[in-house]
Protein backbone atom coordinates (compact mmCIF):
# COMPACT_ATOMS: atom_id res chain seq x y z
CA MET A 1 0.00 0.00 0.00
CA ASN A 2 1.46 3.38 -1.01
CA LEU A 3 0.85 6.73 0.66
CA LEU A 4 -1.99 7.78 -1.67
CA GLN A 5 -3.83 4.48 -1.19
CA ALA A 6 -3.43 4.74 2.59
CA LEU A 7 -4.80 8.30 2.54
CA ALA A 8 -7.74 7.27 0.35
CA GLN A 9 -8.70 4.47 2.75
CA ALA A 10 -8.19 6.70 5.78
CA LEU A 11 -10.59 9.30 4.39
CA ARG A 12 -13.36 6.68 4.37
CA ILE A 13 -13.12 6.26 8.16
CA PRO A 14 -14.71 9.19 10.08
CA GLU A 15 -12.28 9.09 13.00
CA LEU A 16 -9.20 9.08 10.77
CA ARG A 17 -10.74 11.71 8.51
CA LYS A 18 -11.06 14.05 11.51
CA LYS A 19 -7.42 13.41 12.48
CA LEU A 20 -6.22 14.13 8.95
CA LEU A 21 -8.29 17.31 8.75
CA PHE A 22 -6.97 18.44 12.14
CA THR A 23 -3.39 17.82 10.99
CA VAL A 24 -3.88 19.73 7.73
CA LEU A 25 -5.47 22.72 9.50
CA LEU A 26 -2.61 23.03 11.99
CA LEU A 27 -0.03 22.75 9.21
CA LEU A 28 -1.84 25.52 7.35
CA ALA A 29 -1.81 27.61 10.52
CA PHE A 30 1.96 27.25 10.75
CA ARG A 31 2.38 28.19 7.08
CA ILE A 32 0.28 31.32 7.70
CA LEU A 33 2.55 32.27 10.61
CA ALA A 34 5.57 31.60 8.37
CA SER A 35 4.30 34.27 5.95
CA ILE A 36 4.02 37.07 8.56
CA SER A 37 7.29 39.01 8.45
CA ILE A 38 8.72 41.08 11.28
CA PRO A 39 8.81 44.73 10.10
CA GLY A 40 12.05 46.62 9.65
CA ALA A 41 14.19 44.03 7.83
CA SER A 42 15.57 44.64 4.35
CA PRO A 43 14.32 41.91 1.94
CA THR A 44 17.18 42.58 -0.49
CA ALA A 45 19.82 42.20 2.21
CA LEU A 46 18.15 39.02 3.49
CA GLN A 47 18.12 37.49 0.02
CA LYS A 48 21.77 38.39 -0.53
CA LEU A 49 22.87 36.92 2.81
CA PHE A 50 21.01 33.61 2.55
CA GLY A 51 21.84 33.23 -1.14
CA SER A 52 25.57 33.43 -0.46
CA ASN A 53 25.88 31.31 2.70
CA THR A 54 25.20 27.58 2.42
CA LEU A 55 25.09 26.99 6.18
CA LEU A 56 22.49 29.71 6.75
CA GLY A 57 20.54 28.34 3.80
CA LEU A 58 20.49 24.94 5.53
CA LEU A 59 19.18 26.50 8.76
CA ASN A 60 16.58 28.33 6.68
CA LEU A 61 15.53 24.98 5.22
CA PHE A 62 14.46 23.71 8.65
CA SER A 63 12.46 26.89 9.28
CA GLY A 64 10.41 26.49 6.09
CA ASN A 65 11.97 29.62 4.55
CA GLY A 66 10.82 31.61 7.58
CA LEU A 67 14.33 32.72 8.49
CA ALA A 68 15.12 34.14 5.03
CA LYS A 69 11.87 36.13 5.20
CA PHE A 70 12.44 37.04 8.88
CA THR A 71 9.00 35.88 9.97
CA ILE A 72 7.67 35.46 13.49
CA VAL A 73 8.45 31.72 13.31
CA GLY A 74 11.80 32.37 11.64
CA LEU A 75 13.71 30.16 14.09
CA GLY A 76 11.38 27.29 13.26
CA LEU A 77 11.74 24.24 15.47
CA ASN A 78 15.54 24.26 15.60
CA PRO A 79 15.71 25.22 19.32
CA TYR A 80 13.12 22.57 20.20
CA ILE A 81 14.96 19.90 18.21
CA ASN A 82 18.24 20.85 19.89
CA ALA A 83 16.57 20.73 23.32
CA THR A 84 15.08 17.30 22.54
CA ILE A 85 18.45 15.93 21.46
CA ILE A 86 20.20 17.39 24.51
CA MET A 87 17.64 15.79 26.83
CA GLN A 88 18.02 12.43 25.07
CA LEU A 89 21.78 12.64 25.39
CA MET A 90 21.45 13.63 29.05
CA THR A 91 19.56 10.41 29.76
CA VAL A 92 22.86 8.62 29.14
CA VAL A 93 24.84 10.92 31.46
CA SER A 94 22.28 11.50 34.22
CA VAL A 95 21.20 8.50 36.28
CA ARG A 96 18.08 10.37 37.44
CA LEU A 97 16.93 11.09 33.88
CA LYS A 98 17.63 7.51 32.84
CA GLU A 99 15.47 6.22 35.69
CA LEU A 100 12.82 8.79 34.78
CA SER A 101 12.76 7.57 31.16
CA LYS A 102 11.88 4.07 32.42
CA GLU A 103 8.86 5.22 34.45
CA GLY A 104 6.47 4.97 31.50
CA GLU A 105 4.00 7.71 30.61
CA ILE A 106 4.62 9.77 33.76
CA GLY A 107 8.37 9.85 33.18
CA ARG A 108 7.91 10.71 29.51
CA LYS A 109 5.69 13.67 30.38
CA ARG A 110 8.20 15.02 32.89
CA ILE A 111 11.06 14.77 30.35
CA THR A 112 8.85 16.52 27.79
CA ARG A 113 8.22 19.31 30.30
CA TYR A 114 11.98 19.71 30.87
CA THR A 115 12.48 19.83 27.09
CA ARG A 116 9.97 22.67 26.77
CA TRP A 117 11.71 24.66 29.50
CA LEU A 118 15.10 24.15 27.82
CA THR A 119 13.68 25.27 24.47
CA VAL A 120 12.97 28.80 25.74
CA PRO A 121 16.58 29.85 26.62
CA LEU A 122 17.92 28.08 23.52
CA ALA A 123 15.46 29.99 21.32
CA ALA A 124 16.30 33.30 23.03
CA LEU A 125 20.04 32.66 22.59
CA GLN A 126 19.63 31.79 18.93
CA ALA A 127 17.41 34.84 18.36
CA PHE A 128 20.05 37.05 20.00
CA GLY A 129 22.71 35.54 17.73
CA PHE A 130 20.72 36.28 14.59
CA MET A 131 19.98 39.79 15.81
CA ALA A 132 23.72 40.35 16.20
CA LEU A 133 24.22 39.12 12.63
CA PHE A 134 21.37 41.13 11.10
CA THR A 135 22.45 44.37 12.81
CA ASN A 136 26.06 43.99 11.67
CA PRO A 137 26.99 46.95 9.39
CA ASP A 138 28.45 44.57 6.78
CA VAL A 139 25.07 42.80 6.49
CA ALA A 140 22.74 45.76 7.17
CA ILE A 141 19.49 43.81 7.39
CA LEU A 142 18.36 45.80 10.43
CA VAL A 143 19.75 49.31 10.67
CA ASN A 144 20.38 50.74 14.16
CA PRO A 145 17.46 49.14 16.05
CA SER A 146 16.83 50.47 19.54
CA VAL A 147 17.17 48.32 22.65
CA THR A 148 13.38 48.08 22.89
CA GLU A 149 13.09 46.96 19.26
CA THR A 150 15.86 44.39 19.75
CA LEU A 151 14.19 42.92 22.85
CA THR A 152 10.81 42.89 21.08
CA ILE A 153 12.21 40.97 18.11
CA ILE A 154 14.00 38.46 20.37
CA ILE A 155 10.80 37.88 22.38
CA THR A 156 8.77 37.56 19.15
CA LEU A 157 11.13 34.97 17.65
CA THR A 158 11.20 33.02 20.93
CA ALA A 159 7.40 33.08 21.14
CA GLY A 160 7.19 31.93 17.53
CA THR A 161 9.29 28.88 18.36
CA ILE A 162 7.05 28.10 21.34
CA ILE A 163 3.94 28.36 19.13
CA ALA A 164 5.52 26.07 16.53
CA MET A 165 6.45 23.60 19.27
CA TRP A 166 2.87 23.69 20.59
CA LEU A 167 1.42 23.06 17.11
CA GLY A 168 3.80 20.14 16.60
CA GLU A 169 2.82 18.53 19.89
CA LEU A 170 -0.89 18.98 19.10
CA ILE A 171 -0.42 17.22 15.76
CA THR A 172 1.48 14.37 17.42
CA GLU A 173 -1.18 13.91 20.12
CA TYR A 174 -4.42 14.48 18.21
CA GLY A 175 -3.45 14.22 14.55
CA VAL A 176 -1.59 11.78 12.32
CA GLY A 177 2.18 11.44 12.29
CA ASN A 178 4.95 13.22 14.16
CA GLY A 179 4.08 16.90 14.37
CA VAL A 180 7.62 18.28 14.43
CA SER A 181 8.66 16.19 11.42
CA LEU A 182 5.53 17.12 9.48
CA ILE A 183 6.06 20.85 10.09
CA ILE A 184 9.61 20.60 8.73
CA PHE A 185 8.34 18.40 5.88
CA THR A 186 5.67 20.90 4.79
CA GLY A 187 8.16 23.75 5.13
CA ILE A 188 10.54 22.06 2.69
CA ILE A 189 7.77 21.14 0.23
CA ALA A 190 6.28 24.65 0.39
CA GLN A 191 9.56 26.16 -0.85
CA LEU A 192 9.74 24.02 -4.00
CA PRO A 193 7.16 25.69 -6.32
CA GLY A 194 8.52 29.21 -5.82
CA ALA A 195 12.15 28.06 -6.04
CA LEU A 196 11.49 26.06 -9.22
CA PHE A 197 9.68 28.95 -10.90
CA SER A 198 12.30 31.51 -9.86
CA TYR A 199 15.26 29.39 -10.96
CA GLY A 200 13.64 28.12 -14.17
CA SER A 201 12.59 31.60 -15.31
CA GLU A 202 16.22 32.75 -15.43
CA GLY A 203 16.93 30.85 -18.65
CA THR A 204 16.57 27.65 -20.66
CA GLN A 205 19.85 26.30 -19.28
CA ASN A 206 18.40 26.40 -15.77
CA ILE A 207 15.41 24.28 -16.86
CA PHE A 208 17.87 21.64 -18.05
CA HIS A 209 19.64 21.86 -14.67
CA ILE A 210 16.30 21.32 -12.92
CA LEU A 211 15.72 18.14 -14.93
CA GLU A 212 19.23 16.90 -14.10
CA MET A 213 18.74 17.53 -10.39
CA ALA A 214 15.31 15.88 -10.50
CA VAL A 215 16.84 12.68 -11.90
CA ILE A 216 19.55 12.72 -9.21
CA ALA A 217 16.92 13.37 -6.52
CA LEU A 218 14.82 10.41 -7.69
CA ILE A 219 17.84 8.09 -7.62
CA ALA A 220 18.80 9.37 -4.17
CA ALA A 221 15.22 8.95 -2.91
CA ALA A 222 15.16 5.34 -4.11
CA GLY A 223 18.41 4.65 -2.26
CA ILE A 224 17.13 6.34 0.89
CA ILE A 225 13.96 4.22 0.86
CA GLU A 226 16.02 1.04 0.57
CA VAL A 227 18.33 1.99 3.44
CA GLN A 228 15.53 3.33 5.67
CA GLN A 229 13.64 0.05 5.37
CA ALA A 230 16.69 -2.23 5.44
CA GLN A 231 16.88 -4.59 8.42
CA ARG A 232 19.19 -7.27 9.75
CA LYS A 233 16.98 -10.09 11.04
CA VAL A 234 18.59 -11.88 13.96
CA PRO A 235 17.04 -15.37 14.43
CA MET A 236 15.49 -16.04 17.84
CA GLN A 237 13.85 -19.02 19.46
CA SER A 238 11.49 -19.11 22.42
CA ALA A 239 12.00 -21.79 25.05
CA GLN A 240 8.44 -21.45 26.35
CA ARG A 241 6.13 -24.42 26.05
CA VAL A 242 3.51 -23.92 23.34
CA LEU A 243 0.04 -25.46 23.57
CA ASN A 244 -1.18 -27.23 20.42
CA PRO A 245 -4.87 -26.24 20.00
CA ARG A 246 -5.69 -29.43 18.06
CA THR A 247 -4.27 -32.03 20.42
CA GLY A 248 -4.31 -30.02 23.65
CA MET A 249 -0.74 -31.18 24.30
CA ALA A 250 2.11 -28.83 25.23
CA SER A 251 5.12 -28.74 22.93
CA ALA A 252 8.59 -27.90 24.24
CA GLY A 253 9.89 -26.92 20.82
CA GLY A 254 9.13 -23.24 21.25
CA ARG A 255 8.60 -20.70 18.51
CA ARG A 256 11.06 -19.30 15.97
CA ASN A 257 11.07 -15.61 15.29
CA PHE A 258 13.36 -12.75 14.26
CA LEU A 259 14.69 -9.65 15.99
CA PRO A 260 14.74 -6.90 13.31
CA LEU A 261 17.67 -4.51 13.65
CA ARG A 262 17.39 -1.43 11.43
CA VAL A 263 20.43 -0.38 9.42
CA ASN A 264 19.59 3.28 10.10
CA THR A 265 18.23 3.22 13.64
CA ALA A 266 19.12 6.86 14.30
CA GLY A 267 17.08 8.29 11.40
CA VAL A 268 17.94 11.90 10.52
CA ILE A 269 18.71 12.95 14.12
CA PRO A 270 22.53 12.72 13.65
CA ILE A 271 22.31 15.05 10.65
CA ILE A 272 20.24 17.63 12.52
CA PHE A 273 22.56 17.53 15.52
CA ALA A 274 25.68 17.74 13.32
CA ILE A 275 24.25 20.78 11.53
CA SER A 276 23.53 22.40 14.91
CA ILE A 277 27.13 21.82 16.02
CA MET A 278 28.46 23.18 12.71
CA ALA A 279 26.33 26.30 13.19
CA PHE A 280 27.77 27.13 16.63
CA PRO A 281 30.91 28.91 15.29
CA THR A 282 28.75 31.07 13.03
CA ILE A 283 26.39 31.96 15.90
CA PHE A 284 29.26 32.96 18.18
CA ALA A 285 30.93 34.82 15.31
CA ASN A 286 27.72 36.83 14.96
CA LEU A 287 27.85 37.71 18.65
CA PHE A 288 31.44 39.01 18.53
CA GLY A 289 31.58 40.24 14.91
CA SER A 290 31.50 43.89 15.93
CA ALA A 291 33.82 43.52 18.93
CA GLY A 292 36.87 44.89 17.13
CA GLY A 293 40.48 43.86 17.59
CA PRO A 294 41.67 40.24 17.24
CA ILE A 295 38.34 38.82 18.46
CA GLY A 296 36.41 40.75 15.84
CA THR A 297 38.87 39.65 13.14
CA ILE A 298 38.52 35.99 14.10
CA ALA A 299 34.72 36.29 14.24
CA THR A 300 34.62 37.91 10.79
CA TRP A 301 36.85 35.16 9.39
CA PHE A 302 34.55 32.44 10.74
CA ARG A 303 31.44 34.18 9.41
CA ASN A 304 32.92 34.44 5.90
CA ASN A 305 34.71 31.09 5.65
CA TRP A 306 32.95 28.59 7.94
CA GLN A 307 30.66 27.04 5.32
CA PRO A 308 30.84 24.15 2.81
CA ASN A 309 32.03 26.28 -0.12
CA GLY A 310 32.93 29.66 1.29
CA GLY A 311 36.73 29.63 1.53
CA THR A 312 39.67 27.95 -0.16
CA VAL A 313 39.72 24.35 -1.36
CA LEU A 314 41.55 23.30 1.82
CA LEU A 315 38.99 25.03 4.07
CA ASP A 316 36.10 23.48 2.11
CA PHE A 317 37.69 20.05 2.50
CA LEU A 318 38.25 20.49 6.24
CA TYR A 319 34.68 21.74 6.76
CA ASN A 320 33.06 18.87 4.87
CA ALA A 321 35.41 16.28 6.40
CA PHE A 322 34.58 17.56 9.91
CA GLU A 323 30.84 17.40 9.17
CA PHE A 324 31.27 13.88 7.73
CA VAL A 325 33.04 12.68 10.89
CA LEU A 326 30.44 14.40 13.11
CA ILE A 327 27.60 12.56 11.37
CA LEU A 328 29.42 9.24 11.77
CA GLY A 329 30.02 9.88 15.47
CA PHE A 330 26.50 11.08 16.25
CA THR A 331 24.98 8.14 14.36
CA TYR A 332 26.84 5.69 16.61
CA PHE A 333 26.11 7.77 19.71
CA TYR A 334 22.39 8.17 19.06
CA THR A 335 22.05 4.50 18.10
CA ALA A 336 23.60 3.62 21.48
CA VAL A 337 21.04 5.89 23.15
CA VAL A 338 17.97 4.31 21.53
CA PHE A 339 19.26 0.72 21.37
CA ASP A 340 20.88 -0.75 24.48
CA PRO A 341 22.09 -4.35 23.86
CA ASN A 342 22.13 -5.07 27.60
CA ASP A 343 18.45 -4.11 27.99
CA VAL A 344 17.47 -6.13 24.92
CA ALA A 345 19.42 -9.14 26.19
CA ASP A 346 17.77 -8.89 29.63
CA ASN A 347 14.30 -8.67 28.06
CA LEU A 348 14.99 -11.71 25.89
CA LYS A 349 16.21 -13.64 28.92
CA LYS A 350 13.13 -12.71 30.96
CA SER A 351 10.85 -13.91 28.16
CA SER A 352 12.76 -17.21 27.84
CA THR A 353 13.92 -16.27 24.35
CA PHE A 354 17.44 -16.86 23.07
CA ILE A 355 19.53 -16.58 19.91
CA PRO A 356 20.52 -20.05 18.63
CA GLY A 357 24.17 -20.74 19.41
CA ILE A 358 24.49 -17.76 21.79
CA ARG A 359 24.21 -18.07 25.57
CA PRO A 360 21.58 -15.77 27.16
CA GLY A 361 22.73 -12.76 29.15
CA ARG A 362 26.14 -11.16 28.66
CA GLN A 363 27.10 -13.12 25.53
CA THR A 364 23.80 -12.19 23.87
CA ALA A 365 24.42 -8.51 24.67
CA GLU A 366 27.94 -8.70 23.23
CA TYR A 367 26.68 -10.44 20.09
CA LEU A 368 23.92 -7.85 19.54
CA GLY A 369 26.44 -5.06 20.15
CA ARG A 370 28.80 -6.46 17.49
CA VAL A 371 25.99 -6.90 14.96
CA MET A 372 24.62 -3.42 15.64
CA SER A 373 28.07 -1.84 15.26
CA ARG A 374 28.56 -3.40 11.84
CA ILE A 375 25.18 -2.45 10.40
CA THR A 376 25.33 1.02 12.01
CA LEU A 377 28.56 1.66 10.09
CA ALA A 378 26.70 1.12 6.83
CA GLY A 379 23.87 3.43 7.94
CA ALA A 380 26.28 6.11 9.19
CA LEU A 381 28.30 6.09 5.96
CA PHE A 382 25.08 6.38 3.97
CA LEU A 383 23.80 9.34 6.04
CA ALA A 384 27.13 11.14 5.81
CA GLY A 385 27.41 10.40 2.10
CA VAL A 386 23.93 11.73 1.29
CA THR A 387 24.45 14.85 3.43
CA VAL A 388 28.03 15.76 2.49
CA LEU A 389 29.03 13.96 -0.70
CA LEU A 390 25.74 14.02 -2.66
CA PRO A 391 25.58 17.87 -2.92
CA LEU A 392 29.25 18.01 -3.99
CA ALA A 393 28.73 15.26 -6.58
CA THR A 394 25.58 16.95 -7.88
CA SER A 395 27.41 20.26 -8.17
CA PHE A 396 30.24 18.56 -10.09
CA LEU A 397 27.88 16.76 -12.49
CA THR A 398 25.51 19.68 -13.17
CA GLY A 399 27.83 22.65 -12.73
CA VAL A 400 25.34 24.28 -10.34
CA SER A 401 26.63 25.79 -7.09
CA THR A 402 25.47 24.08 -3.89
CA THR A 403 23.98 27.40 -2.73
CA GLN A 404 21.46 27.17 -5.63
CA PHE A 405 20.23 23.64 -4.92
CA LEU A 406 16.45 23.39 -4.71
CA LEU A 407 16.49 20.11 -2.79
CA GLY A 408 19.76 18.98 -1.20
CA GLY A 409 20.64 15.64 0.32
CA THR A 410 19.45 16.62 3.81
CA ALA A 411 16.09 17.79 2.48
CA ILE A 412 15.60 14.57 0.48
CA LEU A 413 16.40 12.49 3.57
CA ILE A 414 13.85 14.39 5.66
CA VAL A 415 11.11 14.38 3.00
CA VAL A 416 11.46 10.66 2.23
CA GLY A 417 11.87 9.67 5.89
CA VAL A 418 8.82 11.64 7.08
CA ALA A 419 6.70 10.34 4.18
CA LEU A 420 7.62 6.73 5.03
CA ASP A 421 6.96 7.18 8.76
CA THR A 422 3.62 8.92 8.15
CA MET A 423 2.54 6.20 5.73
CA LYS A 424 3.40 3.50 8.28
CA GLN A 425 1.43 5.31 11.00
CA ILE A 426 -1.62 5.64 8.75
CA GLU A 427 -1.40 1.94 7.85
CA THR A 428 -1.15 1.07 11.55
CA GLN A 429 -4.24 3.17 12.29
CA LEU A 430 -6.12 1.44 9.45
CA LEU A 431 -5.10 -1.99 10.71
CA MET A 432 -6.23 -1.16 14.26
CA ARG A 433 -9.65 -0.10 13.03
CA GLN A 434 -10.02 -3.21 10.89
CA TYR A 435 -9.37 -5.39 13.92
CA ARG A 436 -11.75 -3.27 15.96
CA GLY A 437 -14.37 -3.88 13.28
CA PHE A 438 -13.78 -7.62 13.50
CA ILE A 439 -14.20 -7.55 17.30
CA ARG A 440 -17.49 -5.68 17.01
């Protein structure tokens, strides 16, 4: 069943139809907020800045083009995503948070509350950083704003992030799919028509470039689907006695099953976190760009050169290599956060299930750890390749600068991943209602 078929069947069920309508209305509400610009900014200066800086263009991608238009939700959900990742990483460091994450629904709600609180200072800090950039004389997006105007804009951007976070949580709880992912998904899709028309209207050669990039995007999407759905099935056998319904006799043979281990367990989280880390030097450079002296010189150098294609060939190589290594490291780290071999081994042992040829307990945990490390390497290399190498390869094949890409590797990963997850959730909802119909 594809996405269109799942949607068509879901529309026939009143309960699912209400959820889909609720989701669409909230997504439209966010897109309306993303079209309300904060007064005082120069549109020409904004276009020049985001058209020349690949890293800022990537941050703008996650905001649904709200940052390039300086809208009230210009920060998008970046602070909330960063807060979520920080809290997930803290569950590994903090014993209290790790115990809290195992307390079921109550623990999850408390961690969610902490994430919301952490989002507010992160959003304010990021808003302050962009204000420092936009008021820089070299950029001249905002000219000599007063202290009151600066505080008002920072509060507005922070409130916009909180509203976007609230809409995302409402979609997750009462709608269909993951609200945060769907907001980013619709933001990326909403940019395509205008970008295609603007780029294609500049000349016939650009139309040919669009066709070339479309072919590359389709090939990349097919590869992403294969990797996202790829699994390593570890054989398992249950030692529990099974009752034969025909004879009424118990069989000691147990049941054979598989433990599916995803090749890309971490999803796109490592990419988002790596991009956030790569953006930190630019944010701090914005804060100290007008400081003067050696600090101001260093900050100006980072602002002009810390991007995938902004400096010399050596600097470009170092930037992309650092981002590649970051994605590899965060893929392994986040996989270790969401998949603990010791917990899985303990659960298998408690349910009298074992892997043939492997002793339960510590040896099972070590075996699962080795298997997960090998398949995670393949997933990490794929994520890093699509994010870092695919844009460079596309630029080499088409001759188009990476700053002009309509849909880069990161965007394709997010769009395909969110579409697959949403389709699976709709299919699950349909299956639940079919069973409910059978019970009735």
